[in-house]
Amino acid sequence: MSRIKIELEKVLKERKISKNQLCYACKLQHTQLNNYCKNKVVRVDLATIAKICDYVGCSIADILVLEKDEEPEKEIAEE
């Protein structure tokens, strides 16, 4: 099964933006931002992602990446 990977930390490093700057500008809790940076978010808040993209100057595709599995999914046998 494919999964969504959050690459926010990579984007911040590339653009030389600190987590503190982003937290202050987007009014985010440090814990919340760290969860996004460490891929520990189960449900992504679209308003938060929009604020981050606006401040960082990137698109959603720069932050959220679909990772496909290497193994093909097994077919379900029909009865």
N, C-alpha and C. Protein backbone atom coordinates (compact mmCIF):
# COMPACT_ATOMS: atom_id res chain seq x y z
N MET A 1 0.84 -1.18 0.00
CA MET A 1 0.00 0.00 0.00
C MET A 1 0.89 1.25 0.00
N SER A 2 0.53 2.20 -0.80
CA SER A 2 1.27 3.47 -0.87
C SER A 2 0.98 4.30 0.38
N ARG A 3 1.87 5.27 0.63
CA ARG A 3 1.67 6.16 1.78
C ARG A 3 2.14 7.56 1.43
N ILE A 4 1.64 8.52 2.17
CA ILE A 4 2.03 9.91 1.99
C ILE A 4 3.20 10.21 2.92
N LYS A 5 4.27 10.77 2.37
CA LYS A 5 5.43 11.16 3.17
C LYS A 5 5.47 12.68 3.22
N ILE A 6 5.72 13.22 4.41
CA ILE A 6 5.82 14.66 4.59
C ILE A 6 7.30 15.04 4.57
N GLU A 7 7.69 15.86 3.62
CA GLU A 7 9.09 16.25 3.47
C GLU A 7 9.31 17.71 3.85
N LEU A 8 8.62 18.15 4.87
CA LEU A 8 8.70 19.54 5.29
C LEU A 8 10.09 19.90 5.80
N GLU A 9 10.70 19.03 6.58
CA GLU A 9 12.02 19.34 7.13
C GLU A 9 13.04 19.56 6.02
N LYS A 10 12.96 18.74 4.97
CA LYS A 10 13.87 18.87 3.82
C LYS A 10 13.67 20.21 3.12
N VAL A 11 12.41 20.59 2.93
CA VAL A 11 12.09 21.86 2.26
C VAL A 11 12.59 23.04 3.09
N LEU A 12 12.42 22.97 4.41
CA LEU A 12 12.89 24.05 5.28
C LEU A 12 14.40 24.20 5.20
N LYS A 13 15.12 23.09 5.19
CA LYS A 13 16.58 23.14 5.09
C LYS A 13 17.02 23.74 3.76
N GLU A 14 16.37 23.31 2.67
CA GLU A 14 16.72 23.82 1.34
C GLU A 14 16.52 25.33 1.25
N ARG A 15 15.50 25.83 1.92
CA ARG A 15 15.18 27.26 1.83
C ARG A 15 15.73 28.07 3.00
N LYS A 16 16.51 27.38 3.84
CA LYS A 16 17.15 28.03 4.99
C LYS A 16 16.15 28.78 5.88
N ILE A 17 15.07 28.08 6.19
CA ILE A 17 14.04 28.62 7.10
C ILE A 17 14.07 27.78 8.37
N SER A 18 14.18 28.43 9.50
CA SER A 18 14.22 27.69 10.76
C SER A 18 12.81 27.31 11.20
N LYS A 19 12.74 26.29 12.03
CA LYS A 19 11.45 25.87 12.57
C LYS A 19 10.85 26.98 13.42
N ASN A 20 11.71 27.70 14.15
CA ASN A 20 11.21 28.81 14.98
C ASN A 20 10.57 29.89 14.12
N GLN A 21 11.21 30.22 12.99
CA GLN A 21 10.64 31.23 12.09
C GLN A 21 9.27 30.79 11.60
N LEU A 22 9.18 29.53 11.20
CA LEU A 22 7.92 29.01 10.66
C LEU A 22 6.84 28.98 11.73
N CYS A 23 7.18 28.53 12.93
CA CYS A 23 6.20 28.50 14.03
C CYS A 23 5.65 29.90 14.32
N TYR A 24 6.55 30.86 14.38
CA TYR A 24 6.13 32.23 14.67
C TYR A 24 5.26 32.79 13.55
N ALA A 25 5.69 32.63 12.32
CA ALA A 25 4.98 33.21 11.17
C ALA A 25 3.61 32.56 10.95
N CYS A 26 3.52 31.26 11.18
CA CYS A 26 2.28 30.53 10.90
C CYS A 26 1.45 30.24 12.15
N LYS A 27 1.93 30.74 13.29
CA LYS A 27 1.24 30.53 14.57
C LYS A 27 1.02 29.04 14.85
N LEU A 28 2.11 28.28 14.76
CA LEU A 28 2.06 26.84 15.02
C LEU A 28 2.74 26.53 16.35
N GLN A 29 2.27 25.48 17.00
CA GLN A 29 2.94 24.97 18.19
C GLN A 29 4.20 24.24 17.72
N HIS A 30 5.27 24.29 18.51
CA HIS A 30 6.50 23.58 18.15
C HIS A 30 6.25 22.08 18.05
N THR A 31 5.43 21.55 18.94
CA THR A 31 5.12 20.12 18.91
C THR A 31 4.43 19.74 17.60
N GLN A 32 3.49 20.56 17.18
CA GLN A 32 2.76 20.30 15.94
C GLN A 32 3.72 20.31 14.75
N LEU A 33 4.59 21.31 14.68
CA LEU A 33 5.54 21.40 13.58
C LEU A 33 6.51 20.22 13.59
N ASN A 34 6.99 19.85 14.76
CA ASN A 34 7.89 18.70 14.85
C ASN A 34 7.22 17.42 14.38
N ASN A 35 5.94 17.26 14.67
CA ASN A 35 5.21 16.08 14.19
C ASN A 35 5.14 16.06 12.67
N TYR A 36 4.95 17.22 12.06
CA TYR A 36 4.96 17.29 10.60
C TYR A 36 6.35 16.97 10.06
N CYS A 37 7.37 17.51 10.69
CA CYS A 37 8.75 17.29 10.22
C CYS A 37 9.20 15.84 10.38
N LYS A 38 8.69 15.15 11.38
CA LYS A 38 9.11 13.77 11.66
C LYS A 38 8.13 12.73 11.12
N ASN A 39 7.16 13.16 10.31
CA ASN A 39 6.19 12.25 9.71
C ASN A 39 5.35 11.51 10.75
N LYS A 40 5.00 12.18 11.82
CA LYS A 40 4.19 11.55 12.87
C LYS A 40 2.74 12.02 12.84
N VAL A 41 2.35 12.66 11.76
CA VAL A 41 0.99 13.18 11.64
C VAL A 41 0.11 12.12 11.00
N VAL A 42 -1.02 11.85 11.64
CA VAL A 42 -1.96 10.87 11.09
C VAL A 42 -2.97 11.56 10.19
N ARG A 43 -3.44 12.72 10.62
CA ARG A 43 -4.40 13.50 9.83
C ARG A 43 -3.81 14.88 9.56
N VAL A 44 -3.63 15.16 8.31
CA VAL A 44 -3.03 16.44 7.90
C VAL A 44 -4.11 17.52 7.91
N ASP A 45 -3.80 18.65 8.53
CA ASP A 45 -4.71 19.79 8.55
C ASP A 45 -4.41 20.65 7.31
N LEU A 46 -5.36 20.72 6.40
CA LEU A 46 -5.14 21.42 5.14
C LEU A 46 -4.90 22.92 5.34
N ALA A 47 -5.54 23.52 6.32
CA ALA A 47 -5.31 24.94 6.59
C ALA A 47 -3.87 25.17 7.03
N THR A 48 -3.34 24.26 7.84
CA THR A 48 -1.95 24.36 8.29
C THR A 48 -1.00 24.20 7.12
N ILE A 49 -1.25 23.22 6.27
CA ILE A 49 -0.40 23.00 5.09
C ILE A 49 -0.43 24.23 4.18
N ALA A 50 -1.62 24.83 4.02
CA ALA A 50 -1.74 26.03 3.18
C ALA A 50 -0.92 27.19 3.76
N LYS A 51 -0.98 27.39 5.08
CA LYS A 51 -0.18 28.45 5.73
C LYS A 51 1.31 28.21 5.51
N ILE A 52 1.72 26.96 5.68
CA ILE A 52 3.14 26.61 5.52
C ILE A 52 3.58 26.88 4.08
N CYS A 53 2.79 26.42 3.12
CA CYS A 53 3.14 26.62 1.70
C CYS A 53 3.23 28.11 1.36
N ASP A 54 2.29 28.90 1.86
CA ASP A 54 2.31 30.34 1.61
C ASP A 54 3.58 30.97 2.16
N TYR A 55 3.93 30.64 3.39
CA TYR A 55 5.11 31.25 4.02
C TYR A 55 6.41 30.79 3.36
N VAL A 56 6.50 29.49 3.11
CA VAL A 56 7.74 28.92 2.56
C VAL A 56 7.88 29.25 1.07
N GLY A 57 6.75 29.46 0.40
CA GLY A 57 6.78 29.75 -1.03
C GLY A 57 6.95 28.49 -1.86
N CYS A 58 6.18 27.47 -1.50
CA CYS A 58 6.28 26.20 -2.22
C CYS A 58 4.88 25.68 -2.51
N SER A 59 4.81 24.58 -3.23
CA SER A 59 3.52 23.96 -3.51
C SER A 59 3.31 22.77 -2.56
N ILE A 60 2.09 22.30 -2.51
CA ILE A 60 1.77 21.14 -1.67
C ILE A 60 2.61 19.94 -2.10
N ALA A 61 2.84 19.80 -3.39
CA ALA A 61 3.62 18.67 -3.91
C ALA A 61 5.06 18.68 -3.43
N ASP A 62 5.57 19.83 -3.03
CA ASP A 62 6.92 19.90 -2.48
C ASP A 62 6.98 19.31 -1.07
N ILE A 63 5.86 19.36 -0.37
CA ILE A 63 5.81 18.91 1.03
C ILE A 63 5.23 17.51 1.16
N LEU A 64 4.15 17.24 0.46
CA LEU A 64 3.49 15.93 0.54
C LEU A 64 3.84 15.10 -0.69
N VAL A 65 4.46 13.94 -0.46
CA VAL A 65 4.92 13.09 -1.55
C VAL A 65 4.31 11.70 -1.40
N LEU A 66 3.78 11.16 -2.49
CA LEU A 66 3.22 9.81 -2.47
C LEU A 66 4.34 8.81 -2.70
N GLU A 67 4.54 7.93 -1.73
CA GLU A 67 5.54 6.86 -1.85
C GLU A 67 4.82 5.58 -2.19
N LYS A 68 5.15 5.03 -3.34
CA LYS A 68 4.52 3.77 -3.75
C LYS A 68 5.33 2.60 -3.23
N ASP A 69 4.62 1.52 -2.91
CA ASP A 69 5.29 0.30 -2.46
C ASP A 69 6.02 -0.34 -3.62
N GLU A 70 7.13 -0.99 -3.29
CA GLU A 70 7.89 -1.72 -4.29
C GLU A 70 7.18 -3.01 -4.67
N GLU A 71 6.52 -3.61 -3.68
CA GLU A 71 5.84 -4.89 -3.92
C GLU A 71 4.44 -4.64 -4.47
N PRO A 72 4.06 -5.39 -5.50
CA PRO A 72 2.69 -5.25 -6.00
C PRO A 72 1.70 -5.80 -4.98
N GLU A 73 0.51 -5.20 -4.93
CA GLU A 73 -0.50 -5.67 -3.99
C GLU A 73 -0.99 -7.05 -4.41
N LYS A 74 -1.24 -7.89 -3.41
CA LYS A 74 -1.73 -9.23 -3.68
C LYS A 74 -3.18 -9.16 -4.13
N GLU A 75 -3.52 -10.02 -5.08
CA GLU A 75 -4.89 -10.06 -5.55
C GLU A 75 -5.74 -10.81 -4.54
N ILE A 76 -6.95 -10.33 -4.35
CA ILE A 76 -7.87 -10.98 -3.44
C ILE A 76 -8.62 -12.05 -4.22
N ALA A 77 -8.57 -13.26 -3.70
CA ALA A 77 -9.24 -14.38 -4.37
C ALA A 77 -10.74 -14.22 -4.26
N GLU A 78 -11.43 -14.43 -5.38
CA GLU A 78 -12.89 -14.35 -5.37
C GLU A 78 -13.45 -15.71 -5.03
N GLU A 79 -14.54 -15.69 -4.27
CA GLU A 79 -15.16 -16.96 -3.87
C GLU A 79 -16.23 -17.35 -4.83
